[in-house]
Amino acid sequence: MRVWEESPFHEGDELPVAVWQSILDRSAIVQVRGQAISLLARSEHSRFLLTQKLLQRDLPVDIIRSVLDDLERDGALSDRRYAESWVRSRLSGHPEDPRHMVARLRERGIAGDLAAAAVESVMRDDGTDEAGLAREYAERLTRRRALSGEQIVDKLVRRGFSHRVARSVAADAASDDSASDDPGLR
C-alpha cells in the first residue's frame, strides 16, 4: 500500500513528523533495494560484498541489513549460490588448489563450512580433484613456454597446491616431455 493511500494528504496539509519519517524510511528502502537488485542483476554477490558496495554509496546501515535480509528470504541473494558460481569461474579460468579457493571465498565473506562445501560440490560435479586441477594448470603453463620441473613446482605451489601434488605433476610433465623427445616415438 502506498503512503498516500494509508493516510491521504493534500497540498497545504501539515504532515506529522512520524508520517514524514515513514515516507523517508520507505524511500530509503526502495533506494537500497533498487541498488542491491541492480548489482545482483549484473553478477552474483555474497552478502558481505554486497554490503560493502552499498556502504560505499553512503546508504543507511540498518536499512541495508533489512533489505539484504529480505533479498535472502526471497532467494535473490545467496552466499551458497555466489560461492558455487565463483568456484566454477575459478576452475574454468584460473585453476587453483581447493584449500586456496576456500580461503579466497572466506576473504569474500563466505563462512568456512559453506566455502568448503561449495568447492567440494562443484569439483564433484565437474569430476575433478586437486591433482587434476594441478595437471590442467601445468598444461596451460607449458603450452605457452617450456618450463623446468622446478619452475612448474614453484608455480603450482604459488597457486596453493601441495608440494606433493606439485612434484608429482612436474614429474609427469617431465616424463611426457622426454617421451615426446624420443625419436623412436615419432
N, C-alpha and C. Protein backbone atom coordinates (compact mmCIF):
# COMPACT_ATOMS: atom_id res chain seq x y z
N MET A 1 0.85 -1.17 0.00
CA MET A 1 0.00 0.00 0.00
C MET A 1 0.89 1.24 0.00
N ARG A 2 0.49 2.22 -0.75
CA ARG A 2 1.25 3.46 -0.84
C ARG A 2 0.95 4.35 0.36
N VAL A 3 1.90 5.20 0.70
CA VAL A 3 1.78 6.06 1.87
C VAL A 3 0.53 6.93 1.77
N TRP A 4 0.29 7.52 0.62
CA TRP A 4 -0.86 8.42 0.49
C TRP A 4 -2.19 7.69 0.54
N GLU A 5 -2.16 6.37 0.31
CA GLU A 5 -3.39 5.60 0.45
C GLU A 5 -3.68 5.29 1.92
N GLU A 6 -2.61 5.13 2.71
CA GLU A 6 -2.78 4.85 4.13
C GLU A 6 -3.28 6.09 4.87
N SER A 7 -2.71 7.20 4.53
CA SER A 7 -3.01 8.44 5.24
C SER A 7 -3.08 9.55 4.20
N PRO A 8 -4.22 9.72 3.55
CA PRO A 8 -4.30 10.71 2.48
C PRO A 8 -3.94 12.11 2.98
N PHE A 9 -3.21 12.82 2.15
CA PHE A 9 -2.89 14.20 2.49
C PHE A 9 -2.96 15.02 1.21
N HIS A 10 -3.09 16.27 1.37
CA HIS A 10 -3.27 17.17 0.23
C HIS A 10 -2.33 18.35 0.38
N GLU A 11 -2.16 19.05 -0.72
CA GLU A 11 -1.31 20.23 -0.70
C GLU A 11 -1.78 21.17 0.39
N GLY A 12 -0.84 21.65 1.16
CA GLY A 12 -1.16 22.57 2.25
C GLY A 12 -1.36 21.87 3.58
N ASP A 13 -1.62 20.53 3.58
CA ASP A 13 -1.76 19.81 4.84
C ASP A 13 -0.40 19.74 5.53
N GLU A 14 -0.44 19.77 6.83
CA GLU A 14 0.80 19.57 7.58
C GLU A 14 0.95 18.09 7.86
N LEU A 15 2.14 17.61 7.59
CA LEU A 15 2.42 16.20 7.84
C LEU A 15 3.00 16.03 9.23
N PRO A 16 2.44 15.13 9.99
CA PRO A 16 3.06 14.84 11.28
C PRO A 16 4.49 14.30 11.06
N VAL A 17 5.35 14.54 12.00
CA VAL A 17 6.75 14.10 11.89
C VAL A 17 6.82 12.60 11.67
N ALA A 18 6.00 11.83 12.34
CA ALA A 18 6.02 10.37 12.19
C ALA A 18 5.70 9.95 10.76
N VAL A 19 4.73 10.62 10.14
CA VAL A 19 4.37 10.29 8.76
C VAL A 19 5.51 10.67 7.83
N TRP A 20 6.08 11.85 8.04
CA TRP A 20 7.21 12.29 7.22
C TRP A 20 8.38 11.32 7.36
N GLN A 21 8.69 10.88 8.57
CA GLN A 21 9.78 9.94 8.79
C GLN A 21 9.49 8.61 8.11
N SER A 22 8.24 8.18 8.14
CA SER A 22 7.84 6.94 7.48
C SER A 22 8.07 7.04 5.97
N ILE A 23 7.74 8.19 5.40
CA ILE A 23 7.97 8.39 3.96
C ILE A 23 9.46 8.32 3.65
N LEU A 24 10.27 8.98 4.46
CA LEU A 24 11.73 8.96 4.24
C LEU A 24 12.29 7.55 4.38
N ASP A 25 11.83 6.81 5.39
CA ASP A 25 12.31 5.44 5.59
C ASP A 25 11.94 4.54 4.42
N ARG A 26 10.72 4.64 3.96
CA ARG A 26 10.29 3.81 2.82
C ARG A 26 11.04 4.19 1.56
N SER A 27 11.30 5.46 1.39
CA SER A 27 12.06 5.92 0.24
C SER A 27 13.47 5.34 0.27
N ALA A 28 14.09 5.33 1.44
CA ALA A 28 15.44 4.76 1.59
C ALA A 28 15.43 3.27 1.30
N ILE A 29 14.40 2.59 1.76
CA ILE A 29 14.28 1.15 1.50
C ILE A 29 14.19 0.89 0.00
N VAL A 30 13.37 1.66 -0.68
CA VAL A 30 13.23 1.50 -2.14
C VAL A 30 14.56 1.77 -2.83
N GLN A 31 15.27 2.81 -2.39
CA GLN A 31 16.56 3.14 -2.98
C GLN A 31 17.58 2.02 -2.77
N VAL A 32 17.70 1.54 -1.54
CA VAL A 32 18.67 0.48 -1.24
C VAL A 32 18.31 -0.80 -2.00
N ARG A 33 17.04 -1.16 -1.99
CA ARG A 33 16.60 -2.38 -2.69
C ARG A 33 16.90 -2.27 -4.19
N GLY A 34 16.62 -1.12 -4.77
CA GLY A 34 16.88 -0.93 -6.20
C GLY A 34 18.36 -1.06 -6.53
N GLN A 35 19.21 -0.46 -5.70
CA GLN A 35 20.65 -0.55 -5.96
C GLN A 35 21.17 -1.97 -5.74
N ALA A 36 20.65 -2.64 -4.72
CA ALA A 36 21.07 -4.02 -4.46
C ALA A 36 20.66 -4.93 -5.61
N ILE A 37 19.45 -4.80 -6.08
CA ILE A 37 18.97 -5.63 -7.19
C ILE A 37 19.74 -5.32 -8.46
N SER A 38 20.06 -4.08 -8.66
CA SER A 38 20.86 -3.70 -9.84
C SER A 38 22.22 -4.38 -9.80
N LEU A 39 22.86 -4.39 -8.66
CA LEU A 39 24.16 -5.07 -8.53
C LEU A 39 24.02 -6.58 -8.72
N LEU A 40 22.97 -7.15 -8.14
CA LEU A 40 22.75 -8.60 -8.27
C LEU A 40 22.40 -8.99 -9.71
N ALA A 41 21.79 -8.08 -10.44
CA ALA A 41 21.43 -8.38 -11.83
C ALA A 41 22.68 -8.50 -12.69
N ARG A 42 23.75 -7.83 -12.30
CA ARG A 42 25.00 -7.88 -13.05
C ARG A 42 25.78 -9.16 -12.77
N SER A 43 25.80 -9.55 -11.47
CA SER A 43 26.51 -10.77 -11.10
C SER A 43 26.13 -11.17 -9.68
N GLU A 44 26.38 -12.44 -9.37
CA GLU A 44 26.14 -12.92 -8.01
C GLU A 44 27.06 -12.18 -7.06
N HIS A 45 26.60 -11.95 -5.85
CA HIS A 45 27.39 -11.32 -4.80
C HIS A 45 27.17 -12.09 -3.51
N SER A 46 28.19 -12.10 -2.67
CA SER A 46 27.98 -12.59 -1.31
C SER A 46 27.33 -11.45 -0.53
N ARG A 47 26.72 -11.80 0.57
CA ARG A 47 26.11 -10.76 1.41
C ARG A 47 27.17 -9.74 1.83
N PHE A 48 28.35 -10.23 2.20
CA PHE A 48 29.43 -9.36 2.64
C PHE A 48 29.83 -8.37 1.54
N LEU A 49 30.06 -8.87 0.33
CA LEU A 49 30.49 -7.99 -0.76
C LEU A 49 29.40 -6.99 -1.14
N LEU A 50 28.15 -7.45 -1.15
CA LEU A 50 27.05 -6.55 -1.48
C LEU A 50 26.91 -5.47 -0.42
N THR A 51 27.07 -5.85 0.83
CA THR A 51 27.03 -4.86 1.92
C THR A 51 28.12 -3.82 1.73
N GLN A 52 29.34 -4.27 1.41
CA GLN A 52 30.45 -3.34 1.22
C GLN A 52 30.17 -2.37 0.09
N LYS A 53 29.63 -2.86 -1.01
CA LYS A 53 29.33 -1.97 -2.15
C LYS A 53 28.25 -0.96 -1.81
N LEU A 54 27.24 -1.40 -1.08
CA LEU A 54 26.16 -0.48 -0.71
C LEU A 54 26.63 0.54 0.33
N LEU A 55 27.50 0.13 1.23
CA LEU A 55 28.05 1.07 2.21
C LEU A 55 28.90 2.15 1.54
N GLN A 56 29.60 1.79 0.46
CA GLN A 56 30.40 2.76 -0.27
C GLN A 56 29.52 3.86 -0.88
N ARG A 57 28.25 3.58 -1.03
CA ARG A 57 27.31 4.55 -1.60
C ARG A 57 26.63 5.38 -0.51
N ASP A 58 27.15 5.29 0.71
CA ASP A 58 26.64 6.07 1.85
C ASP A 58 25.16 5.82 2.12
N LEU A 59 24.76 4.57 2.05
CA LEU A 59 23.37 4.21 2.36
C LEU A 59 23.29 3.80 3.82
N PRO A 60 22.14 3.95 4.46
CA PRO A 60 22.00 3.64 5.89
C PRO A 60 22.19 2.15 6.19
N VAL A 61 23.06 1.88 7.17
CA VAL A 61 23.43 0.51 7.52
C VAL A 61 22.22 -0.33 7.93
N ASP A 62 21.35 0.23 8.78
CA ASP A 62 20.20 -0.54 9.25
C ASP A 62 19.26 -0.91 8.12
N ILE A 63 19.12 -0.03 7.15
CA ILE A 63 18.25 -0.32 6.01
C ILE A 63 18.92 -1.33 5.09
N ILE A 64 20.23 -1.24 4.92
CA ILE A 64 20.95 -2.24 4.12
C ILE A 64 20.73 -3.62 4.70
N ARG A 65 20.90 -3.76 6.02
CA ARG A 65 20.70 -5.07 6.67
C ARG A 65 19.29 -5.60 6.42
N SER A 66 18.31 -4.73 6.61
CA SER A 66 16.91 -5.13 6.44
C SER A 66 16.63 -5.57 5.01
N VAL A 67 17.10 -4.79 4.05
CA VAL A 67 16.87 -5.12 2.64
C VAL A 67 17.56 -6.42 2.27
N LEU A 68 18.80 -6.61 2.74
CA LEU A 68 19.52 -7.85 2.41
C LEU A 68 18.87 -9.06 3.07
N ASP A 69 18.33 -8.88 4.26
CA ASP A 69 17.56 -9.97 4.89
C ASP A 69 16.38 -10.35 4.00
N ASP A 70 15.67 -9.35 3.50
CA ASP A 70 14.52 -9.61 2.61
C ASP A 70 14.97 -10.30 1.33
N LEU A 71 16.08 -9.85 0.75
CA LEU A 71 16.57 -10.44 -0.50
C LEU A 71 17.00 -11.89 -0.28
N GLU A 72 17.59 -12.19 0.88
CA GLU A 72 17.95 -13.57 1.19
C GLU A 72 16.70 -14.43 1.35
N ARG A 73 15.72 -13.88 2.04
CA ARG A 73 14.46 -14.62 2.24
C ARG A 73 13.78 -14.89 0.90
N ASP A 74 13.86 -13.92 -0.02
CA ASP A 74 13.23 -14.07 -1.34
C ASP A 74 14.05 -14.94 -2.28
N GLY A 75 15.30 -15.25 -1.91
CA GLY A 75 16.15 -16.08 -2.76
C GLY A 75 16.96 -15.30 -3.78
N ALA A 76 16.88 -13.97 -3.75
CA ALA A 76 17.64 -13.16 -4.72
C ALA A 76 19.11 -13.05 -4.32
N LEU A 77 19.41 -13.23 -3.05
CA LEU A 77 20.77 -13.15 -2.52
C LEU A 77 21.08 -14.46 -1.83
N SER A 78 22.17 -15.10 -2.24
CA SER A 78 22.53 -16.40 -1.67
C SER A 78 24.04 -16.55 -1.63
N ASP A 79 24.59 -16.68 -0.44
CA ASP A 79 26.03 -16.92 -0.32
C ASP A 79 26.42 -18.25 -0.95
N ARG A 80 25.57 -19.26 -0.82
CA ARG A 80 25.86 -20.57 -1.42
C ARG A 80 25.94 -20.46 -2.94
N ARG A 81 24.98 -19.80 -3.54
CA ARG A 81 24.96 -19.64 -4.99
C ARG A 81 26.16 -18.82 -5.46
N TYR A 82 26.48 -17.76 -4.71
CA TYR A 82 27.65 -16.95 -5.05
C TYR A 82 28.91 -17.81 -4.99
N ALA A 83 29.08 -18.58 -3.92
CA ALA A 83 30.29 -19.39 -3.74
C ALA A 83 30.43 -20.41 -4.88
N GLU A 84 29.36 -21.08 -5.22
CA GLU A 84 29.43 -22.07 -6.30
C GLU A 84 29.74 -21.41 -7.64
N SER A 85 29.14 -20.28 -7.89
CA SER A 85 29.41 -19.54 -9.13
C SER A 85 30.87 -19.10 -9.19
N TRP A 86 31.38 -18.61 -8.07
CA TRP A 86 32.77 -18.15 -8.02
C TRP A 86 33.72 -19.33 -8.26
N VAL A 87 33.44 -20.47 -7.63
CA VAL A 87 34.30 -21.65 -7.81
C VAL A 87 34.29 -22.11 -9.26
N ARG A 88 33.12 -22.16 -9.89
CA ARG A 88 33.05 -22.56 -11.31
C ARG A 88 33.90 -21.63 -12.17
N SER A 89 33.80 -20.36 -11.89
CA SER A 89 34.57 -19.38 -12.65
C SER A 89 36.07 -19.59 -12.45
N ARG A 90 36.50 -19.81 -11.21
CA ARG A 90 37.91 -20.04 -10.94
C ARG A 90 38.40 -21.31 -11.62
N LEU A 91 37.61 -22.36 -11.57
CA LEU A 91 38.04 -23.62 -12.16
C LEU A 91 38.19 -23.51 -13.67
N SER A 92 37.34 -22.72 -14.30
CA SER A 92 37.43 -22.61 -15.75
C SER A 92 38.54 -21.67 -16.20
N GLY A 93 38.86 -20.67 -15.39
CA GLY A 93 39.85 -19.70 -15.84
C GLY A 93 41.17 -19.73 -15.12
N HIS A 94 41.16 -20.04 -13.84
CA HIS A 94 42.37 -19.97 -13.02
C HIS A 94 42.39 -21.11 -12.01
N PRO A 95 42.59 -22.33 -12.46
CA PRO A 95 42.53 -23.45 -11.52
C PRO A 95 43.54 -23.26 -10.39
N GLU A 96 43.09 -23.55 -9.19
CA GLU A 96 43.96 -23.47 -8.03
C GLU A 96 43.53 -24.53 -7.02
N ASP A 97 44.36 -24.72 -6.04
CA ASP A 97 44.13 -25.73 -5.01
C ASP A 97 42.80 -25.48 -4.30
N PRO A 98 42.05 -26.53 -3.97
CA PRO A 98 40.78 -26.35 -3.26
C PRO A 98 40.90 -25.57 -1.95
N ARG A 99 41.96 -25.82 -1.17
CA ARG A 99 42.13 -25.08 0.08
C ARG A 99 42.34 -23.59 -0.19
N HIS A 100 43.02 -23.29 -1.27
CA HIS A 100 43.26 -21.91 -1.67
C HIS A 100 41.92 -21.25 -2.05
N MET A 101 41.07 -21.98 -2.76
CA MET A 101 39.77 -21.43 -3.13
C MET A 101 38.90 -21.17 -1.90
N VAL A 102 38.94 -22.09 -0.94
CA VAL A 102 38.18 -21.90 0.30
C VAL A 102 38.65 -20.63 1.01
N ALA A 103 39.96 -20.45 1.08
CA ALA A 103 40.50 -19.24 1.73
C ALA A 103 40.06 -17.98 0.99
N ARG A 104 40.08 -18.03 -0.32
CA ARG A 104 39.68 -16.85 -1.11
C ARG A 104 38.19 -16.56 -0.92
N LEU A 105 37.37 -17.59 -0.81
CA LEU A 105 35.94 -17.38 -0.54
C LEU A 105 35.72 -16.77 0.84
N ARG A 106 36.50 -17.23 1.80
CA ARG A 106 36.38 -16.67 3.16
C ARG A 106 36.72 -15.18 3.15
N GLU A 107 37.69 -14.79 2.33
CA GLU A 107 38.03 -13.37 2.19
C GLU A 107 36.84 -12.58 1.63
N ARG A 108 35.97 -13.27 0.91
CA ARG A 108 34.80 -12.62 0.30
C ARG A 108 33.56 -12.74 1.19
N GLY A 109 33.78 -13.13 2.45
CA GLY A 109 32.70 -13.15 3.42
C GLY A 109 31.90 -14.43 3.50
N ILE A 110 32.38 -15.49 2.87
CA ILE A 110 31.67 -16.76 2.90
C ILE A 110 32.17 -17.56 4.10
N ALA A 111 31.26 -18.12 4.87
CA ALA A 111 31.62 -18.94 6.04
C ALA A 111 32.47 -20.13 5.58
N GLY A 112 33.41 -20.52 6.43
CA GLY A 112 34.33 -21.60 6.07
C GLY A 112 33.67 -22.89 5.67
N ASP A 113 32.65 -23.33 6.43
CA ASP A 113 31.98 -24.58 6.09
C ASP A 113 31.22 -24.48 4.78
N LEU A 114 30.61 -23.32 4.51
CA LEU A 114 29.88 -23.11 3.26
C LEU A 114 30.87 -23.05 2.08
N ALA A 115 32.01 -22.41 2.29
CA ALA A 115 33.03 -22.32 1.24
C ALA A 115 33.55 -23.71 0.89
N ALA A 116 33.87 -24.50 1.91
CA ALA A 116 34.38 -25.85 1.67
C ALA A 116 33.34 -26.72 0.96
N ALA A 117 32.09 -26.59 1.37
CA ALA A 117 31.02 -27.38 0.73
C ALA A 117 30.85 -26.96 -0.73
N ALA A 118 30.95 -25.67 -1.02
CA ALA A 118 30.79 -25.19 -2.40
C ALA A 118 31.92 -25.71 -3.28
N VAL A 119 33.15 -25.64 -2.78
CA VAL A 119 34.30 -26.13 -3.55
C VAL A 119 34.14 -27.63 -3.81
N GLU A 120 33.81 -28.37 -2.76
CA GLU A 120 33.64 -29.82 -2.89
C GLU A 120 32.53 -30.17 -3.87
N SER A 121 31.40 -29.48 -3.77
CA SER A 121 30.25 -29.75 -4.63
C SER A 121 30.57 -29.48 -6.10
N VAL A 122 31.17 -28.35 -6.38
CA VAL A 122 31.48 -28.00 -7.78
C VAL A 122 32.53 -28.94 -8.35
N MET A 123 33.55 -29.26 -7.55
CA MET A 123 34.57 -30.18 -8.05
C MET A 123 33.99 -31.56 -8.30
N ARG A 124 33.10 -32.01 -7.41
CA ARG A 124 32.46 -33.31 -7.60
C ARG A 124 31.61 -33.29 -8.86
N ASP A 125 30.83 -32.21 -9.05
CA ASP A 125 30.00 -32.10 -10.25
C ASP A 125 30.85 -32.07 -11.53
N ASP A 126 32.03 -31.45 -11.46
CA ASP A 126 32.92 -31.38 -12.61
C ASP A 126 33.78 -32.63 -12.78
N GLY A 127 33.75 -33.51 -11.76
CA GLY A 127 34.54 -34.74 -11.83
C GLY A 127 36.03 -34.48 -11.77
N THR A 128 36.44 -33.53 -10.96
CA THR A 128 37.86 -33.21 -10.86
C THR A 128 38.34 -33.31 -9.41
N ASP A 129 39.66 -33.35 -9.27
CA ASP A 129 40.26 -33.38 -7.94
C ASP A 129 41.48 -32.47 -7.95
N GLU A 130 42.18 -32.38 -6.82
CA GLU A 130 43.33 -31.48 -6.70
C GLU A 130 44.39 -31.79 -7.75
N ALA A 131 44.72 -33.05 -7.92
CA ALA A 131 45.75 -33.43 -8.89
C ALA A 131 45.32 -33.07 -10.31
N GLY A 132 44.06 -33.28 -10.63
CA GLY A 132 43.55 -32.93 -11.95
C GLY A 132 43.64 -31.43 -12.22
N LEU A 133 43.31 -30.63 -11.20
CA LEU A 133 43.42 -29.18 -11.34
C LEU A 133 44.87 -28.77 -11.55
N ALA A 134 45.78 -29.40 -10.80
CA ALA A 134 47.20 -29.07 -10.93
C ALA A 134 47.72 -29.46 -12.31
N ARG A 135 47.32 -30.62 -12.81
CA ARG A 135 47.73 -31.04 -14.16
C ARG A 135 47.22 -30.06 -15.21
N GLU A 136 45.96 -29.66 -15.07
CA GLU A 136 45.38 -28.72 -16.03
C GLU A 136 46.14 -27.40 -16.03
N TYR A 137 46.46 -26.90 -14.86
CA TYR A 137 47.18 -25.64 -14.78
C TYR A 137 48.59 -25.79 -15.34
N ALA A 138 49.25 -26.90 -15.03
CA ALA A 138 50.60 -27.14 -15.55
C ALA A 138 50.58 -27.23 -17.07
N GLU A 139 49.56 -27.87 -17.64
CA GLU A 139 49.44 -27.96 -19.11
C GLU A 139 49.29 -26.57 -19.72
N ARG A 140 48.50 -25.74 -19.09
CA ARG A 140 48.35 -24.36 -19.59
C ARG A 140 49.68 -23.61 -19.56
N LEU A 141 50.40 -23.80 -18.46
CA LEU A 141 51.69 -23.11 -18.33
C LEU A 141 52.68 -23.57 -19.40
N THR A 142 52.75 -24.88 -19.62
CA THR A 142 53.75 -25.41 -20.55
C THR A 142 53.34 -25.24 -22.01
N ARG A 143 52.08 -24.94 -22.28
CA ARG A 143 51.66 -24.64 -23.65
C ARG A 143 52.28 -23.32 -24.12
N ARG A 144 52.39 -22.38 -23.20
CA ARG A 144 52.90 -21.06 -23.53
C ARG A 144 54.42 -21.07 -23.74
N ARG A 145 55.11 -21.77 -22.86
CA ARG A 145 56.57 -21.83 -22.96
C ARG A 145 57.08 -23.03 -22.19
N ALA A 146 58.27 -23.44 -22.55
CA ALA A 146 58.88 -24.58 -21.86
C ALA A 146 59.29 -24.16 -20.46
N LEU A 147 58.96 -25.00 -19.51
CA LEU A 147 59.31 -24.74 -18.11
C LEU A 147 60.02 -25.96 -17.55
N SER A 148 60.96 -25.71 -16.67
CA SER A 148 61.63 -26.82 -16.00
C SER A 148 60.67 -27.39 -14.95
N GLY A 149 60.97 -28.57 -14.48
CA GLY A 149 60.16 -29.18 -13.43
C GLY A 149 60.12 -28.32 -12.18
N GLU A 150 61.25 -27.70 -11.88
CA GLU A 150 61.32 -26.82 -10.71
C GLU A 150 60.41 -25.60 -10.88
N GLN A 151 60.37 -25.05 -12.06
CA GLN A 151 59.50 -23.90 -12.32
C GLN A 151 58.03 -24.29 -12.22
N ILE A 152 57.70 -25.47 -12.71
CA ILE A 152 56.32 -25.96 -12.62
C ILE A 152 55.93 -26.12 -11.15
N VAL A 153 56.81 -26.75 -10.38
CA VAL A 153 56.53 -26.93 -8.95
C VAL A 153 56.32 -25.58 -8.29
N ASP A 154 57.20 -24.63 -8.57
CA ASP A 154 57.11 -23.30 -7.97
C ASP A 154 55.77 -22.63 -8.30
N LYS A 155 55.37 -22.67 -9.55
CA LYS A 155 54.12 -22.02 -9.95
C LYS A 155 52.89 -22.71 -9.35
N LEU A 156 52.94 -24.03 -9.27
CA LEU A 156 51.82 -24.77 -8.67
C LEU A 156 51.71 -24.48 -7.17
N VAL A 157 52.83 -24.43 -6.50
CA VAL A 157 52.82 -24.15 -5.06
C VAL A 157 52.29 -22.74 -4.81
N ARG A 158 52.66 -21.79 -5.68
CA ARG A 158 52.13 -20.43 -5.53
C ARG A 158 50.62 -20.38 -5.73
N ARG A 159 50.08 -21.34 -6.46
CA ARG A 159 48.63 -21.44 -6.65
C ARG A 159 47.96 -22.20 -5.51
N GLY A 160 48.74 -22.59 -4.52
CA GLY A 160 48.18 -23.23 -3.34
C GLY A 160 48.22 -24.75 -3.36
N PHE A 161 48.73 -25.35 -4.43
CA PHE A 161 48.80 -26.80 -4.48
C PHE A 161 49.89 -27.29 -3.54
N SER A 162 49.69 -28.48 -2.97
CA SER A 162 50.67 -29.04 -2.04
C SER A 162 51.96 -29.38 -2.81
N HIS A 163 53.07 -29.43 -2.07
CA HIS A 163 54.35 -29.79 -2.69
C HIS A 163 54.27 -31.19 -3.29
N ARG A 164 53.59 -32.09 -2.58
CA ARG A 164 53.48 -33.48 -3.06
C ARG A 164 52.80 -33.51 -4.42
N VAL A 165 51.66 -32.83 -4.56
CA VAL A 165 50.93 -32.81 -5.83
C VAL A 165 51.76 -32.10 -6.90
N ALA A 166 52.37 -30.97 -6.54
CA ALA A 166 53.17 -30.20 -7.50
C ALA A 166 54.34 -31.02 -8.04
N ARG A 167 55.03 -31.73 -7.14
CA ARG A 167 56.16 -32.56 -7.59
C ARG A 167 55.68 -33.70 -8.49
N SER A 168 54.57 -34.30 -8.13
CA SER A 168 54.02 -35.40 -8.93
C SER A 168 53.65 -34.92 -10.34
N VAL A 169 52.98 -33.77 -10.41
CA VAL A 169 52.57 -33.22 -11.71
C VAL A 169 53.81 -32.83 -12.52
N ALA A 170 54.81 -32.22 -11.87
CA ALA A 170 56.04 -31.82 -12.57
C ALA A 170 56.77 -33.06 -13.10
N ALA A 171 56.79 -34.13 -12.30
CA ALA A 171 57.44 -35.37 -12.75
C ALA A 171 56.70 -35.95 -13.95
N ASP A 172 55.38 -35.93 -13.92
CA ASP A 172 54.60 -36.42 -15.05
C ASP A 172 54.87 -35.58 -16.30
N ALA A 173 54.96 -34.26 -16.12
CA ALA A 173 55.22 -33.36 -17.25
C ALA A 173 56.60 -33.63 -17.82
N ALA A 174 57.57 -33.87 -16.95
CA ALA A 174 58.94 -34.16 -17.41
C ALA A 174 58.98 -35.48 -18.17
N SER A 175 58.25 -36.48 -17.69
CA SER A 175 58.25 -37.77 -18.39
C SER A 175 57.52 -37.65 -19.72
N ASP A 176 56.48 -36.83 -19.79
CA ASP A 176 55.79 -36.60 -21.06
C ASP A 176 56.71 -35.90 -22.06
N ASP A 177 57.50 -34.93 -21.57
CA ASP A 177 58.44 -34.22 -22.45
C ASP A 177 59.51 -35.16 -22.97
N SER A 178 60.05 -36.02 -22.09
CA SER A 178 61.11 -36.93 -22.53
C SER A 178 60.55 -37.95 -23.52
N ALA A 179 59.31 -38.34 -23.34
CA ALA A 179 58.69 -39.29 -24.28
C ALA A 179 58.48 -38.65 -25.63
N SER A 180 58.10 -37.35 -25.64
CA SER A 180 57.86 -36.69 -26.93
C SER A 180 59.18 -36.37 -27.61
N ASP A 181 60.30 -36.29 -26.85
CA ASP A 181 61.60 -36.04 -27.45
C ASP A 181 62.25 -37.31 -28.00
N ASP A 182 61.72 -38.47 -27.63
CA ASP A 182 62.29 -39.75 -28.07
C ASP A 182 61.97 -39.93 -29.55
N PRO A 183 63.03 -39.98 -30.40
CA PRO A 183 62.80 -40.12 -31.85
C PRO A 183 62.11 -41.42 -32.22
N GLY A 184 62.18 -42.44 -31.37
CA GLY A 184 61.53 -43.70 -31.65
C GLY A 184 60.02 -43.61 -31.53
N LEU A 185 59.52 -42.56 -30.87
CA LEU A 185 58.08 -42.42 -30.68
C LEU A 185 57.43 -41.55 -31.74
N ARG A 186 58.18 -40.96 -32.61
CA ARG A 186 57.62 -40.07 -33.63
C ARG A 186 57.07 -40.80 -34.78
